[in-house]
Each structure stands twice: as structure tokens, then as C-alpha cells.
């Protein structure tokens, strides 16, 4: 009997869902005494790197596997083919002053030239024999021949990704556009050099370009046609996950909800986590399905009531719902209030549209006009970063705004040592893991009542909660009002009890899993 968890991506440097799921899995392993396996269904060149990074970040002991690679790299123990070096040697031939950097577990090798990242090599078997291959040229030849995934960079931007199945199964070549915003193409070849699958970008879809959609997976199984991915995914579920009757399967990704309903048996313990704020077709399908027993976890009562109302359903003999908080990290520090005159304002989160970071900047600009000693720090990265940096320049407040980027452990960084207030203005927030993280470390929060999370955390002891449609002027005034309260870090952090929350979570989750 085991607990099997399925996610789409890992975001160890950002993303509350990754943090919550990793902490939850570790808590299951420690408290429920069952084997825990986590599968990442991510077709990206850095999936394995993210797994290594996440394991370091959260010190996890449960298994984490890239589910696509579980199929892609099945061993044949017969023919061993090497990567087609025509894609790699033209790049490394130009290298002169190179340095190797190898992770402590030997799974990832990064090549730098003059402190710029040039290539990364990933091999699940490690590179412990690298020193036996003489000069740099011999070592590079060994890396190319043995690495599963090779990624090349130019000016710190990805140029192409090459996946080499060293057992002769599959070769993948992915080329990036000049700005490294995405793939130009992603091609897969079998051991005979025949093109068997080619990824289609969104731009090509819009341009109505047509490609074959063939996908070769394992030992002669070929999935083709427009529903190839669905067939392939079901195959992976049945072959790799190998769901047993007494297993518990937890799905943390909406697009995999239908797969869980169509795999396993009637005895499989199915748990669907609704991490998201949006009510889409997959959520609706799970709530309305009457084919088998399923358990749905909501993060707040507000979210559960709203979703059930939108789906037009109530709990029944095939639907059990439960409101369970996310597991939370115990605070590793308590913020300090600076004795100088500067006002330090903090934002932590992805720079994504739903986080509405432009509103944070616009509000800060209003506040800054009356408080020239204010400083805003934004920790995180994302698709809106360029637009946000441009807006900061337009407002003429570049000297007062710091883009700190992604930080693996942000609460251990210098940016969080001294903070007066955090400012968050999301459009929607299913739970808002960052709220208890900030509050438990003594940082008061000014935010808006976006569905569904903020109202669960904010009270007069730890912040200001404004209506979702509050103006920037009103939010700016709330910052000033909060600063006048002079809430001590101790008072703020004492407003929530994380240990009590976690004890309650494990108690509720135990009932769902057992």
C-alpha cells in the first residue's frame, strides 16, 4: 500500500503549491507511515534539475520521479546508442576556458566558460567516473555519450535541448527561439533516425500549421493521432504508476483529474486537491461525476461553498468533500523592525497576471509620493517581469524598487531581515500560502479580499484587509494606517499557530488516506 502523488510541475523557488505539496508529502511519510511516491509529469528540459533542487530545498525522503522519463528511458540492456554529436560538438569546439561544476550527488554537471553557463548534462546514473577520462575533451566526449539530457545556453539563454536515450529508444531535439521564450520545435526520433513525434507550438496552432502527431513510447507501443497524448498518458498511468486496489492516489493537477477517474479500480482511494481559484471544466466534471467514490479537498470553506454552488451539487454517496489547510513550514526566523527612517515594503510571489503585481507597484507609487523614504522589494520571477520593470521606469521610481528575482529560500535572504509591511494585491488566491508564511515571521500584511484565501488570515493583529475593488489611494492609506499601529513582530507572529494548524491537517488527512 502506498500514497502516489501526481503533479504537473515543480517550482522550488516560487509557487505556494509546490511548497505545500512537498511539505504535505513529507508529513504523510513521517506521520502516516506509508510509502510515498511523487510523479512529475513535465516535458521540459529542466524537469530533472527541478527535482534535484526541490529535494535539496525541502530535504525530502520520498521518491520523486519524472513520469515521462520513467517510460522514455526504460532499459533494454541490448543496444547502446550514443547521442548524435553533430548537434553538440560544434558548440563545445568553440570552448576555451571552461570549468566543470558537479552537484554533490553527481547527477548534474554544468559547464561554465568565463563564469557564463554554457551547457548542462543530466544523467541519473551520475558522473562519478568523470576523472578517468583525461583531458577536458575526453571528459566532454564522455558527458555527451552518457548524458540523458543536454541543454545548451548562449548569453544565459537556452538555445536547444537534446534528450538522448542511451539505450537506443528515443532521441529528442528541442530548439528555442532567439529570446528563449519557448521552443521553435521539439522533435523525437527513434533508433532508426525516423521522425516519430514533433511538438506543435501555440504559435503554429494559431497559424493553422499542421504536423503529424506520432508518439513512440515503449517496446513497440505507438500512439498517434490528435488523442495520442491522452492514450499515452493512460498507458503511463497503468504501466508506471501501477495503481493497486489499496493505494491512495492524490492528484494535485486539474488536467489529470479525468485520468484518475478512468484508471485504477473502484477500490482505489482517489483524492482530488483543488489548489486553484478557478472553477473549470475539470473541477466541474469531478464534482458532478457519480461513477465512483471520490474525495475532494478544498483549501477554504469559502472556496468549497462557491465551487459546490457553481457545480450545482451537494455531498452524496460518491462525493466527499473536506476543507483542509495546506501544511505550513514552521517559521525559521522573525523579522526585525529597523531603527532607521526607511520604510521597507515587501512582495513575495510569482510575477504573474493573477498576482496583479502591477497594482502593487501602482499602489507603492502613490505611497512613495508622500513617503520618499519607502523602499519596495519584489521577490519572485515570472512572465510579467519585463512589463513591470518598464512600468517602474515610466513612474520614475527605479531607485526605490528592487527586483530580487527567484530565491530558493527567500525567508533566509537579506531582503527579509528587516521588513515593515508586506503588500499583496492578487486578483484571485485559492489559499495564499504566503500569508501565513509572512505573518508567522512577524510581517504584517496589507491586502485585498480576493477569493478565496486572504480573509482566512488577516485580522487587526496582523494586517489590513481591504475590499477587492479598493482604489490604490485607499490601499496606500491602509499601509500608512498599519504603520501607525506599530505592531510588534511578536504580536503579529502570535496571531496564528502554525503547529496547531499542521496538527489539525495531519489528523484530517489521516482519515482521508486510511
Protein backbone atom coordinates (compact mmCIF):
# COMPACT_ATOMS: atom_id res chain seq x y z
CA UNK A 1 0.00 0.00 0.00
CA UNK A 2 1.37 3.39 -0.93
CA UNK A 3 0.45 7.02 -1.46
CA UNK A 4 1.06 8.14 -5.04
CA UNK A 5 1.02 11.85 -5.83
CA UNK A 6 0.76 13.36 -9.30
CA UNK A 7 1.72 16.92 -10.19
CA UNK A 8 2.48 18.72 -13.41
CA UNK A 9 5.45 20.88 -12.40
CA UNK A 10 7.79 21.71 -9.58
CA UNK A 11 8.55 25.33 -8.70
CA UNK A 12 11.00 25.04 -5.79
CA UNK A 13 11.97 28.72 -6.00
CA UNK A 14 8.42 30.03 -6.18
CA UNK A 15 4.85 28.82 -6.17
CA UNK A 16 2.94 28.06 -3.00
CA UNK A 17 1.53 24.83 -4.41
CA UNK A 18 4.98 23.25 -4.73
CA UNK A 19 5.86 24.21 -1.16
CA UNK A 20 2.53 22.96 0.21
CA UNK A 21 2.68 19.64 -1.67
CA UNK A 22 6.31 18.93 -0.75
CA UNK A 23 5.66 19.62 2.94
CA UNK A 24 2.45 17.59 2.81
CA UNK A 25 4.19 14.56 1.25
CA UNK A 26 6.96 14.65 3.82
CA UNK A 27 4.36 14.89 6.60
CA UNK A 28 2.49 11.88 5.19
CA UNK A 29 5.73 9.91 5.15
CA UNK A 30 6.55 10.84 8.76
CA UNK A 31 3.10 10.65 10.31
CA UNK A 32 1.02 8.14 8.36
CA UNK A 33 3.77 5.57 7.88
CA UNK A 34 3.08 4.73 4.25
CA UNK A 35 5.35 4.65 1.23
CA UNK A 36 5.11 7.94 -0.68
CA UNK A 37 5.91 8.35 -4.38
CA UNK A 38 5.63 11.62 -6.27
CA UNK A 39 5.40 11.75 -10.06
CA UNK A 40 6.12 14.87 -12.08
CA UNK A 41 4.50 14.95 -15.50
CA UNK A 42 6.59 17.68 -17.06
CA UNK A 43 8.04 17.63 -20.57
CA UNK A 44 10.72 20.25 -20.06
CA UNK A 45 14.47 20.13 -20.28
CA UNK A 46 14.93 21.10 -16.63
CA UNK A 47 12.42 18.72 -15.00
CA UNK A 48 15.20 16.62 -13.51
CA UNK A 49 17.07 19.72 -12.36
CA UNK A 50 13.93 20.95 -10.60
CA UNK A 51 13.53 17.60 -8.86
CA UNK A 52 17.09 17.80 -7.54
CA UNK A 53 16.56 21.41 -6.50
CA UNK A 54 13.29 20.62 -4.74
CA UNK A 55 14.80 17.70 -2.85
CA UNK A 56 17.60 19.96 -1.62
CA UNK A 57 15.20 22.78 -0.77
CA UNK A 58 12.80 20.63 1.27
CA UNK A 59 15.17 17.83 2.45
CA UNK A 60 12.64 15.20 1.36
CA UNK A 61 12.95 11.44 1.77
CA UNK A 62 10.12 10.33 -0.50
CA UNK A 63 10.66 9.30 -4.11
CA UNK A 64 10.24 11.91 -6.86
CA UNK A 65 10.18 10.69 -10.45
CA UNK A 66 9.78 12.33 -13.84
CA UNK A 67 6.94 10.18 -15.14
CA UNK A 68 7.77 10.73 -18.81
CA UNK A 69 11.35 9.65 -18.25
CA UNK A 70 10.13 6.54 -16.48
CA UNK A 71 8.87 5.40 -19.85
CA UNK A 72 11.29 7.17 -22.13
CA UNK A 73 14.36 5.62 -20.54
CA UNK A 74 13.35 2.02 -19.91
CA UNK A 75 16.45 -0.16 -20.16
CA UNK A 76 16.75 -2.68 -22.96
CA UNK A 77 20.21 -3.95 -21.93
CA UNK A 78 20.84 -4.70 -25.59
CA UNK A 79 21.88 -1.90 -27.91
CA UNK A 80 23.53 1.23 -26.57
CA UNK A 81 23.44 4.16 -28.99
CA UNK A 82 25.11 7.47 -28.41
CA UNK A 83 23.80 10.97 -28.96
CA UNK A 84 24.22 12.32 -32.46
CA UNK A 85 27.20 14.56 -31.72
CA UNK A 86 26.66 16.85 -34.72
CA UNK A 87 24.36 18.90 -32.51
CA UNK A 88 26.83 19.19 -29.65
CA UNK A 89 30.43 19.28 -30.90
CA UNK A 90 30.04 22.50 -32.96
CA UNK A 91 29.28 24.23 -29.68
CA UNK A 92 31.95 22.73 -27.46
CA UNK A 93 34.65 23.13 -30.12
CA UNK A 94 34.43 26.87 -29.50
CA UNK A 95 35.03 26.49 -25.77
CA UNK A 96 38.36 27.65 -24.42
CA UNK A 97 38.43 28.43 -20.70
CA UNK A 98 35.83 26.02 -19.29
CA UNK A 99 35.07 24.91 -15.75
CA UNK A 100 33.00 21.98 -14.52
CA UNK A 101 30.53 22.22 -11.65
CA UNK A 102 29.10 18.94 -10.36
CA UNK A 103 26.27 18.58 -7.85
CA UNK A 104 27.05 16.76 -4.63
CA UNK A 105 25.03 13.73 -5.73
CA UNK A 106 26.77 13.67 -9.11
CA UNK A 107 23.56 13.86 -11.14
CA UNK A 108 24.08 17.20 -12.81
CA UNK A 109 27.16 18.64 -14.49
CA UNK A 110 27.23 22.28 -15.56
CA UNK A 111 29.93 23.72 -17.83
CA UNK A 112 30.88 27.36 -17.43
CA UNK A 113 33.11 29.46 -19.66
CA UNK A 114 34.28 32.71 -18.11
CA UNK A 115 31.55 32.34 -15.47
CA UNK A 116 28.76 32.03 -18.07
CA UNK A 117 26.70 28.84 -18.15
CA UNK A 118 27.27 27.07 -21.46
CA UNK A 119 25.85 23.56 -21.11
CA UNK A 120 24.22 21.27 -18.59
CA UNK A 121 24.36 17.48 -18.63
CA UNK A 122 21.96 15.32 -16.66
CA UNK A 123 22.40 11.58 -16.09
CA UNK A 124 20.51 9.65 -13.45
CA UNK A 125 23.50 7.31 -13.06
CA UNK A 126 25.79 10.18 -12.12
CA UNK A 127 29.23 11.17 -13.36
CA UNK A 128 31.39 9.57 -10.70
CA UNK A 129 33.84 8.31 -13.35
CA UNK A 130 34.45 11.69 -14.96
CA UNK A 131 38.04 11.99 -13.71
CA UNK A 132 39.05 8.82 -15.53
CA UNK A 133 38.65 10.39 -18.96
CA UNK A 134 41.77 12.53 -19.08
CA UNK A 135 41.65 15.99 -20.58
CA UNK A 136 38.62 18.23 -20.97
CA UNK A 137 37.96 16.96 -24.49
CA UNK A 138 37.79 13.35 -23.27
CA UNK A 139 35.54 14.33 -20.38
CA UNK A 140 33.20 16.24 -22.69
CA UNK A 141 33.04 13.27 -25.03
CA UNK A 142 32.07 11.07 -22.06
CA UNK A 143 29.40 13.54 -20.97
CA UNK A 144 27.88 13.75 -24.45
CA UNK A 145 27.82 9.98 -24.81
CA UNK A 146 26.23 9.32 -21.44
CA UNK A 147 24.03 12.28 -20.54
CA UNK A 148 20.31 11.80 -20.78
CA UNK A 149 19.57 15.49 -21.18
CA UNK A 150 21.88 18.12 -22.63
CA UNK A 151 20.91 21.79 -22.65
CA UNK A 152 22.98 24.45 -24.41
CA UNK A 153 22.98 28.13 -23.44
CA UNK A 154 24.08 31.34 -25.09
CA UNK A 155 24.16 34.57 -23.09
CA UNK A 156 22.45 32.62 -20.31
CA UNK A 157 19.51 31.82 -22.58
CA UNK A 158 18.58 28.31 -23.68
CA UNK A 159 19.39 27.55 -27.32
CA UNK A 160 18.45 23.91 -27.59
CA UNK A 161 17.66 20.84 -25.53
CA UNK A 162 18.70 17.34 -26.56
CA UNK A 163 17.36 14.22 -24.87
CA UNK A 164 19.39 11.09 -25.55
CA UNK A 165 18.05 7.68 -24.67
CA UNK A 166 21.33 5.84 -24.23
CA UNK A 167 19.52 2.52 -24.59
CA UNK A 168 18.55 3.24 -28.17
CA UNK A 169 14.93 4.13 -27.55
CA UNK A 170 14.47 7.78 -28.29
CA UNK A 171 16.32 10.92 -29.27
CA UNK A 172 14.72 14.32 -28.73
CA UNK A 173 15.96 17.65 -30.07
CA UNK A 174 14.28 20.87 -28.95
CA UNK A 175 15.29 24.22 -30.39
CA UNK A 176 14.46 27.54 -28.71
CA UNK A 177 13.62 30.89 -30.25
CA UNK A 178 16.18 33.70 -30.05
CA UNK A 179 14.67 35.13 -26.87
CA UNK A 180 14.36 31.68 -25.28
CA UNK A 181 10.66 32.24 -24.66
CA UNK A 182 9.81 28.76 -25.88
CA UNK A 183 10.55 26.03 -28.36
CA UNK A 184 10.65 26.65 -32.07
CA UNK A 185 10.26 22.93 -32.41
CA UNK A 186 10.64 19.76 -30.43
CA UNK A 187 11.40 16.63 -32.44
CA UNK A 188 11.65 12.99 -31.43
CA UNK A 189 13.48 10.30 -33.42
CA UNK A 190 13.55 6.56 -32.97
CA UNK A 191 16.72 4.49 -33.11
CA UNK A 192 16.43 4.30 -36.92
CA UNK A 193 16.55 8.08 -37.24
CA UNK A 194 12.90 8.31 -38.28
CA UNK A 195 10.92 11.33 -37.10
CA UNK A 196 8.18 9.92 -34.92
CA UNK A 197 6.83 12.90 -33.00
CA UNK A 198 7.06 16.65 -33.39
CA UNK A 199 5.76 19.09 -30.82
CA UNK A 200 3.48 21.86 -32.09
CA UNK A 201 3.84 25.32 -30.55
CA UNK A 202 0.85 27.55 -29.76
CA UNK A 203 2.02 29.99 -32.44
CA UNK A 204 1.91 27.27 -35.04
CA UNK A 205 -1.53 26.20 -33.89
CA UNK A 206 -2.81 29.75 -34.35
CA UNK A 207 -1.16 29.90 -37.76
CA UNK A 208 -3.10 26.74 -38.64
CA UNK A 209 0.04 24.82 -39.49
CA UNK A 210 -0.38 21.06 -39.49
CA UNK A 211 2.04 18.40 -38.28
CA UNK A 212 1.91 14.69 -37.72
CA UNK A 213 1.38 13.76 -34.12
CA UNK A 214 3.12 10.43 -33.60
CA UNK A 215 4.48 9.41 -30.23
CA UNK A 216 6.70 6.37 -29.65
CA UNK A 217 6.88 5.35 -26.02
CA UNK A 218 7.92 1.85 -25.10
CA UNK A 219 8.70 -1.52 -26.63
CA UNK A 220 6.75 -1.07 -29.83
CA UNK A 221 3.79 0.87 -28.42
CA UNK A 222 2.93 3.71 -30.79
CA UNK A 223 0.31 6.33 -30.03
CA UNK A 224 -0.78 8.54 -32.89
CA UNK A 225 -3.45 11.00 -33.91
CA UNK A 226 -4.92 14.02 -32.14
CA UNK A 227 -5.68 12.00 -28.99
CA UNK A 228 -2.19 10.49 -28.82
CA UNK A 229 -1.30 12.32 -25.63
CA UNK A 230 -4.41 11.07 -23.84
CA UNK A 231 -3.73 7.47 -24.88
CA UNK A 232 -0.09 7.77 -23.91
CA UNK A 233 -0.93 9.24 -20.52
CA UNK A 234 -3.38 6.44 -19.72
CA UNK A 235 -0.67 3.98 -20.70
CA UNK A 236 1.76 5.68 -18.31
CA UNK A 237 -0.78 5.59 -15.50
CA UNK A 238 -1.34 1.87 -15.94
CA UNK A 239 2.27 0.84 -16.57
CA UNK A 240 4.37 3.22 -14.47
CA UNK A 241 2.05 4.07 -11.61
CA UNK A 242 0.75 0.51 -11.42
CA UNK A 243 -2.12 1.54 -9.16
CA UNK A 244 -3.15 -1.19 -6.74
CA UNK A 245 -6.55 -1.58 -5.06
CA UNK A 246 -5.32 -0.41 -1.66
CA UNK A 247 -3.30 2.53 -2.99
CA UNK A 248 -4.17 6.15 -2.35
CA UNK A 249 -3.70 8.41 -5.38
CA UNK A 250 -3.60 12.17 -4.77
CA UNK A 251 -3.88 14.41 -7.82
CA UNK A 252 -2.71 17.99 -7.49
CA UNK A 253 -3.22 19.00 -11.13
CA UNK A 254 -6.66 19.70 -12.72
CA UNK A 255 -5.78 18.36 -16.16
CA UNK A 256 -5.07 14.94 -14.60
CA UNK A 257 -8.41 14.71 -12.79
CA UNK A 258 -10.10 12.82 -15.68
CA UNK A 259 -7.24 10.31 -15.77
CA UNK A 260 -7.72 9.41 -12.14
CA UNK A 261 -11.40 8.74 -12.78
CA UNK A 262 -10.51 6.44 -15.69
CA UNK A 263 -7.70 4.43 -14.09
CA UNK A 264 -7.33 2.17 -11.10
CA UNK A 265 -10.30 0.21 -9.77
CA UNK A 266 -13.39 1.00 -7.73
CA UNK A 267 -11.31 0.23 -4.63
CA UNK A 268 -8.65 2.86 -5.41
CA UNK A 269 -8.69 5.68 -2.87
CA UNK A 270 -8.97 8.82 -5.02
CA UNK A 271 -8.20 12.23 -3.54
CA UNK A 272 -8.51 15.37 -5.65
CA UNK A 273 -6.85 18.54 -4.35
CA UNK A 274 -8.43 21.78 -5.60
CA UNK A 275 -5.45 24.11 -5.26
CA UNK A 276 -6.76 26.54 -7.84
CA UNK A 277 -9.01 29.55 -7.62
CA UNK A 278 -10.63 28.92 -11.00
CA UNK A 279 -13.70 26.73 -11.46
CA UNK A 280 -13.13 24.99 -14.82
CA UNK A 281 -14.42 22.00 -16.76
CA UNK A 282 -12.21 19.52 -14.87
CA UNK A 283 -13.37 20.72 -11.47
CA UNK A 284 -16.98 20.63 -12.63
CA UNK A 285 -16.57 17.11 -14.03
CA UNK A 286 -15.10 15.76 -10.76
CA UNK A 287 -17.85 17.28 -8.62
CA UNK A 288 -20.67 16.12 -10.88
CA UNK A 289 -19.31 12.62 -11.60
CA UNK A 290 -21.35 9.82 -10.00
CA UNK A 291 -19.43 6.82 -11.32
CA UNK A 292 -17.29 6.15 -8.22
CA UNK A 293 -16.36 7.38 -4.77
CA UNK A 294 -14.02 10.35 -4.73
CA UNK A 295 -12.73 12.69 -2.05
CA UNK A 296 -12.22 16.37 -2.85
CA UNK A 297 -10.06 18.61 -0.69
CA UNK A 298 -10.79 22.35 -0.64
CA UNK A 299 -8.42 24.82 0.99
CA UNK A 300 -11.04 27.18 2.44
CA UNK A 301 -14.73 27.00 3.31
CA UNK A 302 -15.30 29.98 1.02
CA UNK A 303 -13.83 28.02 -1.90
CA UNK A 304 -15.86 24.87 -1.15
CA UNK A 305 -19.18 26.68 -0.90
CA UNK A 306 -18.55 28.60 -4.11
CA UNK A 307 -17.44 25.54 -6.12
CA UNK A 308 -20.32 23.35 -4.98
CA UNK A 309 -22.77 26.13 -5.83
CA UNK A 310 -21.25 26.57 -9.30
CA UNK A 311 -21.34 22.81 -9.91
CA UNK A 312 -24.93 22.61 -8.66
CA UNK A 313 -24.17 19.65 -6.37
CA UNK A 314 -24.12 18.65 -2.72
CA UNK A 315 -22.21 15.89 -0.99
CA UNK A 316 -23.56 12.45 -1.87
CA UNK A 317 -22.61 8.77 -1.78
CA UNK A 318 -19.94 9.29 -4.47
CA UNK A 319 -18.65 12.71 -3.36
CA UNK A 320 -16.99 13.50 -0.07
CA UNK A 321 -15.58 16.99 0.46
CA UNK A 322 -13.24 18.24 3.12
CA UNK A 323 -11.73 21.62 3.96
CA UNK A 324 -8.09 21.11 4.90
CA UNK A 325 -5.43 23.77 5.29
CA UNK A 326 -2.14 23.41 3.49
CA UNK A 327 0.75 22.16 5.58
CA UNK A 328 2.90 25.09 6.63
CA UNK A 329 6.62 25.38 7.28
CA UNK A 330 7.45 26.31 10.84
CA UNK A 331 8.97 29.82 10.78
CA UNK A 332 12.76 29.79 10.72
CA UNK A 333 13.18 33.45 11.69
CA UNK A 334 11.39 36.51 12.99
CA UNK A 335 11.65 39.78 11.14
CA UNK A 336 13.18 42.85 12.74
CA UNK A 337 11.93 46.41 12.64
CA UNK A 338 14.70 48.74 11.54
CA UNK A 339 15.68 51.69 13.67
CA UNK A 340 16.40 53.95 10.69
CA UNK A 341 13.83 56.11 8.91
CA UNK A 342 13.41 53.87 5.89
CA UNK A 343 10.07 52.11 5.32
CA UNK A 344 10.63 48.64 3.85
CA UNK A 345 7.74 47.10 1.89
CA UNK A 346 7.89 43.52 0.61
CA UNK A 347 6.15 41.46 -2.08
CA UNK A 348 6.77 37.71 -2.45
CA UNK A 349 5.23 35.64 -5.23
CA UNK A 350 5.24 34.82 -8.91
CA UNK A 351 5.25 37.80 -11.25
CA UNK A 352 2.14 36.53 -12.99
CA UNK A 353 -1.13 38.18 -14.09
CA UNK A 354 -3.22 36.58 -11.32
CA UNK A 355 -0.89 38.05 -8.68
CA UNK A 356 -1.61 41.54 -10.08
CA UNK A 357 1.86 42.81 -9.23
CA UNK A 358 1.34 45.94 -11.32
CA UNK A 359 -1.25 47.00 -8.74
CA UNK A 360 1.42 46.55 -6.05
CA UNK A 361 3.72 48.88 -7.99
CA UNK A 362 1.00 51.43 -8.71
CA UNK A 363 -0.02 51.45 -5.04
CA UNK A 364 3.58 51.77 -3.92
CA UNK A 365 3.98 54.73 -6.29
CA UNK A 366 1.07 56.52 -4.56
CA UNK A 367 2.57 55.77 -1.14
CA UNK A 368 6.04 56.83 -2.30
CA UNK A 369 4.87 60.29 -3.35
CA UNK A 370 4.25 61.06 0.35
CA UNK A 371 6.97 58.81 1.77
CA UNK A 372 10.21 59.27 -0.14
CA UNK A 373 11.97 57.06 2.42
CA UNK A 374 9.99 53.99 1.27
CA UNK A 375 11.58 51.02 -0.49
CA UNK A 376 9.77 48.20 -2.31
CA UNK A 377 11.38 44.76 -2.80
CA UNK A 378 9.79 42.17 -5.08
CA UNK A 379 10.96 38.59 -4.58
CA UNK A 380 9.94 36.29 -7.41
CA UNK A 381 10.02 35.98 -11.17
CA UNK A 382 7.57 35.34 -13.96
CA UNK A 383 6.06 36.28 -17.29
CA UNK A 384 5.16 39.87 -16.38
CA UNK A 385 8.62 40.89 -15.14
CA UNK A 386 9.61 42.87 -18.25
CA UNK A 387 6.33 44.83 -18.22
CA UNK A 388 6.71 45.54 -14.51
CA UNK A 389 10.28 46.78 -14.89
CA UNK A 390 9.12 49.01 -17.73
CA UNK A 391 6.31 50.45 -15.60
CA UNK A 392 8.73 51.17 -12.74
CA UNK A 393 10.93 53.13 -15.15
CA UNK A 394 7.92 55.04 -16.51
CA UNK A 395 6.91 56.05 -12.98
CA UNK A 396 10.47 57.20 -12.24
CA UNK A 397 10.79 55.09 -9.08
CA UNK A 398 13.59 52.73 -10.15
CA UNK A 399 15.80 53.78 -7.23
CA UNK A 400 13.08 52.80 -4.78
CA UNK A 401 12.17 49.40 -6.29
CA UNK A 402 14.30 46.24 -6.21
CA UNK A 403 13.57 43.18 -8.33
CA UNK A 404 15.30 40.45 -6.32
CA UNK A 405 14.30 37.55 -8.61
CA UNK A 406 13.66 33.99 -7.52
CA UNK A 407 15.33 32.99 -4.26
CA UNK A 408 15.34 29.34 -3.25
CA UNK A 409 14.86 30.15 0.46
CA UNK A 410 13.52 33.72 0.49
CA UNK A 411 12.98 33.91 4.25
CA UNK A 412 16.69 33.34 4.77
CA UNK A 413 17.67 36.19 2.48
CA UNK A 414 18.83 39.67 3.47
CA UNK A 415 15.72 41.16 1.88
CA UNK A 416 13.53 39.73 4.64
CA UNK A 417 15.72 40.51 7.63
CA UNK A 418 14.17 43.96 8.06
CA UNK A 419 10.60 44.44 6.78
CA UNK A 420 7.87 46.81 7.94
CA UNK A 421 4.93 45.57 5.89
CA UNK A 422 4.10 43.16 3.05
CA UNK A 423 1.85 44.31 0.20
CA UNK A 424 -0.19 41.77 -1.81
CA UNK A 425 -2.98 42.60 -4.26
CA UNK A 426 -3.95 39.34 -6.04
CA UNK A 427 -6.90 39.05 -8.37
CA UNK A 428 -7.56 35.54 -7.05
CA UNK A 429 -5.83 33.35 -4.48
CA UNK A 430 -7.14 29.86 -3.71
CA UNK A 431 -5.31 29.72 -0.38
CA UNK A 432 -2.43 32.17 -0.27
CA UNK A 433 0.40 30.24 1.37
CA UNK A 434 2.49 33.38 1.51
CA UNK A 435 0.09 34.97 4.03
CA UNK A 436 0.78 32.61 6.95
CA UNK A 437 4.44 32.45 5.92
CA UNK A 438 4.75 36.22 6.28
CA UNK A 439 2.58 36.57 9.38
CA UNK A 440 4.32 33.73 11.27
CA UNK A 441 7.60 35.57 10.77
CA UNK A 442 6.21 38.78 12.24
CA UNK A 443 5.49 40.62 8.99
CA UNK A 444 2.09 42.40 8.89
CA UNK A 445 0.22 42.27 5.58
CA UNK A 446 -1.87 44.78 3.64
CA UNK A 447 -4.00 43.00 1.06
CA UNK A 448 -7.39 42.86 -0.68
CA UNK A 449 -10.28 40.44 -0.17
CA UNK A 450 -9.67 38.37 -3.30
CA UNK A 451 -11.27 34.92 -3.44
CA UNK A 452 -10.57 32.70 -1.63
CA UNK A 453 -7.65 32.92 0.77
CA UNK A 454 -6.78 36.34 2.26
CA UNK A 455 -9.82 36.68 4.52
CA UNK A 456 -8.80 33.45 6.27
CA UNK A 457 -5.61 35.01 7.58
CA UNK A 458 -5.89 38.76 8.04
CA UNK A 459 -7.13 40.35 11.25
CA UNK A 460 -6.44 43.52 13.22
CA UNK A 461 -3.44 41.91 14.93
CA UNK A 462 -1.56 41.18 11.74
CA UNK A 463 -2.68 43.43 8.90
CA UNK A 464 -5.31 45.29 6.90
CA UNK A 465 -7.86 43.59 4.62
CA UNK A 466 -9.49 45.90 2.07
CA UNK A 467 -12.36 45.30 -0.35
CA UNK A 468 -11.24 43.75 -3.61
CA UNK A 469 -12.25 46.90 -5.52
CA UNK A 470 -10.35 49.29 -3.22
CA UNK A 471 -8.50 52.07 -5.01
CA UNK A 472 -4.73 52.44 -4.98
CA UNK A 473 -5.16 55.52 -2.80
CA UNK A 474 -7.19 53.51 -0.27
CA UNK A 475 -4.59 50.72 -0.18
CA UNK A 476 -1.82 53.28 0.25
CA UNK A 477 -3.71 54.83 3.15
CA UNK A 478 -4.08 51.37 4.72
CA UNK A 479 -0.29 50.97 4.65
CA UNK A 480 0.10 54.26 6.50
CA UNK A 481 -2.61 53.27 8.97
CA UNK A 482 -0.96 49.91 9.65
CA UNK A 483 2.45 51.50 10.22
CA UNK A 484 0.90 53.84 12.81
CA UNK A 485 -0.33 50.83 14.78
CA UNK A 486 3.33 49.87 15.28
CA UNK A 487 2.52 46.15 15.53
CA UNK A 488 5.44 44.29 17.05
CA UNK A 489 6.80 41.23 15.20
CA UNK A 490 5.91 39.14 18.25
CA UNK A 491 2.28 40.25 18.23
CA UNK A 492 1.96 39.62 14.51
CA UNK A 493 3.51 36.14 14.63
CA UNK A 494 1.41 35.14 17.66
CA UNK A 495 -1.79 35.82 15.73
CA UNK A 496 -1.58 32.35 14.12
CA UNK A 497 -0.45 28.99 15.50
CA UNK A 498 1.21 27.01 12.70
CA UNK A 499 1.85 23.92 14.82
CA UNK A 500 -1.82 23.76 15.74
CA UNK A 501 -2.77 24.15 12.07
CA UNK A 502 -0.40 21.35 10.99
CA UNK A 503 -1.63 19.01 13.74
CA UNK A 504 -5.18 19.55 12.54
CA UNK A 505 -4.18 18.97 8.91
CA UNK A 506 -2.47 15.65 9.57
CA UNK A 507 -5.43 14.49 11.65
CA UNK A 508 -7.89 15.25 8.83
CA UNK A 509 -5.63 13.87 6.11
CA UNK A 510 -5.08 10.62 8.02
CA UNK A 511 -8.83 9.98 7.91
CA UNK A 512 -8.85 10.51 4.13
CA UNK A 513 -5.87 8.25 3.42
CA UNK A 514 -6.54 5.37 5.83
